[in-house]
Amino acid sequence: MNAPQWRIWLVTALLCGWGMLGMRFVQKEQWPMALLCLLLMLSNGVTLWRLTKKGK
């Protein structure tokens, strides 16, 4: 896929941000919010994989 470079950077930043926020919620033992952050992190990870996939 031919994604613009700014979009790849944006999704990467979101992925890192959700990971850091998720770790913060795990430290405070707020499990529902930690689970939400994990789901959003996985969603952004799949998006990043699709954006950087070769051949399409």
N, C-alpha and C. Protein backbone atom coordinates (compact mmCIF):
# COMPACT_ATOMS: atom_id res chain seq x y z
N MET A 1 0.84 -1.18 0.00
CA MET A 1 0.00 0.00 0.00
C MET A 1 0.89 1.24 0.00
N ASN A 2 0.46 2.23 -0.69
CA ASN A 2 1.25 3.44 -0.82
C ASN A 2 0.70 4.52 0.11
N ALA A 3 1.04 4.46 1.37
CA ALA A 3 0.53 5.40 2.36
C ALA A 3 1.47 6.60 2.47
N PRO A 4 0.91 7.78 2.72
CA PRO A 4 1.78 8.94 2.94
C PRO A 4 2.59 8.76 4.23
N GLN A 5 3.78 9.31 4.21
CA GLN A 5 4.68 9.13 5.34
C GLN A 5 4.13 9.73 6.63
N TRP A 6 3.40 10.83 6.55
CA TRP A 6 2.84 11.46 7.75
C TRP A 6 1.84 10.54 8.43
N ARG A 7 1.10 9.74 7.64
CA ARG A 7 0.11 8.85 8.24
C ARG A 7 0.79 7.70 8.98
N ILE A 8 1.88 7.21 8.43
CA ILE A 8 2.63 6.14 9.10
C ILE A 8 3.19 6.65 10.43
N TRP A 9 3.73 7.88 10.43
CA TRP A 9 4.25 8.46 11.67
C TRP A 9 3.14 8.70 12.69
N LEU A 10 1.98 9.14 12.21
CA LEU A 10 0.86 9.39 13.11
C LEU A 10 0.39 8.10 13.77
N VAL A 11 0.24 7.04 12.99
CA VAL A 11 -0.21 5.77 13.55
C VAL A 11 0.85 5.20 14.50
N THR A 12 2.13 5.38 14.18
CA THR A 12 3.19 4.93 15.07
C THR A 12 3.15 5.68 16.40
N ALA A 13 2.94 6.99 16.33
CA ALA A 13 2.85 7.80 17.56
C ALA A 13 1.64 7.37 18.39
N LEU A 14 0.50 7.11 17.74
CA LEU A 14 -0.68 6.65 18.46
C LEU A 14 -0.43 5.30 19.11
N LEU A 15 0.25 4.42 18.40
CA LEU A 15 0.57 3.10 18.94
C LEU A 15 1.42 3.22 20.20
N CYS A 16 2.44 4.06 20.15
CA CYS A 16 3.29 4.27 21.33
C CYS A 16 2.52 4.95 22.46
N GLY A 17 1.69 5.91 22.11
CA GLY A 17 0.91 6.62 23.13
C GLY A 17 -0.06 5.70 23.86
N TRP A 18 -0.77 4.84 23.11
CA TRP A 18 -1.69 3.90 23.77
C TRP A 18 -0.93 2.92 24.64
N GLY A 19 0.26 2.52 24.20
CA GLY A 19 1.07 1.61 25.02
C GLY A 19 1.49 2.24 26.34
N MET A 20 1.96 3.48 26.27
CA MET A 20 2.39 4.17 27.48
C MET A 20 1.21 4.43 28.42
N LEU A 21 0.09 4.85 27.85
CA LEU A 21 -1.09 5.10 28.66
C LEU A 21 -1.60 3.80 29.28
N GLY A 22 -1.54 2.72 28.52
CA GLY A 22 -1.95 1.42 29.04
C GLY A 22 -1.09 0.97 30.21
N MET A 23 0.23 1.18 30.10
CA MET A 23 1.12 0.82 31.21
C MET A 23 0.79 1.64 32.46
N ARG A 24 0.44 2.89 32.25
CA ARG A 24 0.07 3.75 33.38
C ARG A 24 -1.18 3.23 34.08
N PHE A 25 -2.17 2.80 33.30
CA PHE A 25 -3.40 2.26 33.89
C PHE A 25 -3.15 0.92 34.58
N VAL A 26 -2.23 0.13 34.05
CA VAL A 26 -1.88 -1.14 34.71
C VAL A 26 -1.22 -0.86 36.05
N GLN A 27 -0.34 0.13 36.11
CA GLN A 27 0.31 0.48 37.37
C GLN A 27 -0.70 0.94 38.42
N LYS A 28 -1.75 1.64 37.97
CA LYS A 28 -2.77 2.11 38.91
C LYS A 28 -3.88 1.08 39.12
N GLU A 29 -3.75 -0.07 38.46
CA GLU A 29 -4.70 -1.18 38.56
C GLU A 29 -6.11 -0.79 38.14
N GLN A 30 -6.20 -0.02 37.08
CA GLN A 30 -7.49 0.34 36.49
C GLN A 30 -7.67 -0.54 35.25
N TRP A 31 -8.15 -1.75 35.48
CA TRP A 31 -8.16 -2.79 34.44
C TRP A 31 -9.05 -2.48 33.24
N PRO A 32 -10.25 -1.92 33.42
CA PRO A 32 -11.06 -1.63 32.22
C PRO A 32 -10.37 -0.65 31.26
N MET A 33 -9.76 0.39 31.81
CA MET A 33 -9.07 1.35 30.96
C MET A 33 -7.81 0.75 30.34
N ALA A 34 -7.12 -0.12 31.09
CA ALA A 34 -5.94 -0.79 30.55
C ALA A 34 -6.34 -1.70 29.39
N LEU A 35 -7.47 -2.38 29.52
CA LEU A 35 -7.96 -3.24 28.44
C LEU A 35 -8.35 -2.42 27.22
N LEU A 36 -8.98 -1.28 27.44
CA LEU A 36 -9.35 -0.40 26.33
C LEU A 36 -8.10 0.08 25.60
N CYS A 37 -7.08 0.46 26.34
CA CYS A 37 -5.82 0.90 25.73
C CYS A 37 -5.18 -0.23 24.94
N LEU A 38 -5.25 -1.44 25.46
CA LEU A 38 -4.69 -2.59 24.75
C LEU A 38 -5.43 -2.81 23.44
N LEU A 39 -6.75 -2.73 23.46
CA LEU A 39 -7.53 -2.92 22.23
C LEU A 39 -7.22 -1.84 21.20
N LEU A 40 -7.11 -0.60 21.64
CA LEU A 40 -6.79 0.48 20.72
C LEU A 40 -5.35 0.35 20.19
N MET A 41 -4.45 -0.13 21.03
CA MET A 41 -3.08 -0.35 20.60
C MET A 41 -3.03 -1.45 19.53
N LEU A 42 -3.78 -2.53 19.74
CA LEU A 42 -3.84 -3.60 18.74
C LEU A 42 -4.45 -3.11 17.43
N SER A 43 -5.48 -2.30 17.53
CA SER A 43 -6.11 -1.76 16.34
C SER A 43 -5.13 -0.90 15.53
N ASN A 44 -4.39 -0.05 16.23
CA ASN A 44 -3.40 0.78 15.55
C ASN A 44 -2.24 -0.05 15.02
N GLY A 45 -1.89 -1.13 15.71
CA GLY A 45 -0.85 -2.03 15.21
C GLY A 45 -1.25 -2.70 13.90
N VAL A 46 -2.49 -3.13 13.82
CA VAL A 46 -2.99 -3.74 12.58
C VAL A 46 -3.01 -2.69 11.46
N THR A 47 -3.44 -1.48 11.79
CA THR A 47 -3.44 -0.41 10.79
C THR A 47 -2.03 -0.11 10.29
N LEU A 48 -1.07 -0.06 11.21
CA LEU A 48 0.31 0.18 10.82
C LEU A 48 0.84 -0.95 9.95
N TRP A 49 0.49 -2.19 10.28
CA TRP A 49 0.92 -3.32 9.47
C TRP A 49 0.34 -3.22 8.06
N ARG A 50 -0.93 -2.84 7.96
CA ARG A 50 -1.56 -2.71 6.65
C ARG A 50 -0.94 -1.57 5.84
N LEU A 51 -0.58 -0.46 6.52
CA LEU A 51 0.00 0.66 5.82
C LEU A 51 1.40 0.36 5.30
N THR A 52 2.14 -0.48 5.99
CA THR A 52 3.53 -0.75 5.61
C THR A 52 3.70 -2.08 4.88
N LYS A 53 2.60 -2.77 4.60
CA LYS A 53 2.68 -4.05 3.91
C LYS A 53 3.19 -3.84 2.48
N LYS A 54 4.12 -4.68 2.06
CA LYS A 54 4.69 -4.59 0.72
C LYS A 54 3.82 -5.32 -0.28
N GLY A 55 3.85 -4.88 -1.52
CA GLY A 55 3.21 -5.61 -2.60
C GLY A 55 1.79 -5.19 -2.94
N LYS A 56 1.19 -4.33 -2.14
CA LYS A 56 -0.18 -3.91 -2.48
C LYS A 56 -0.31 -2.43 -2.55
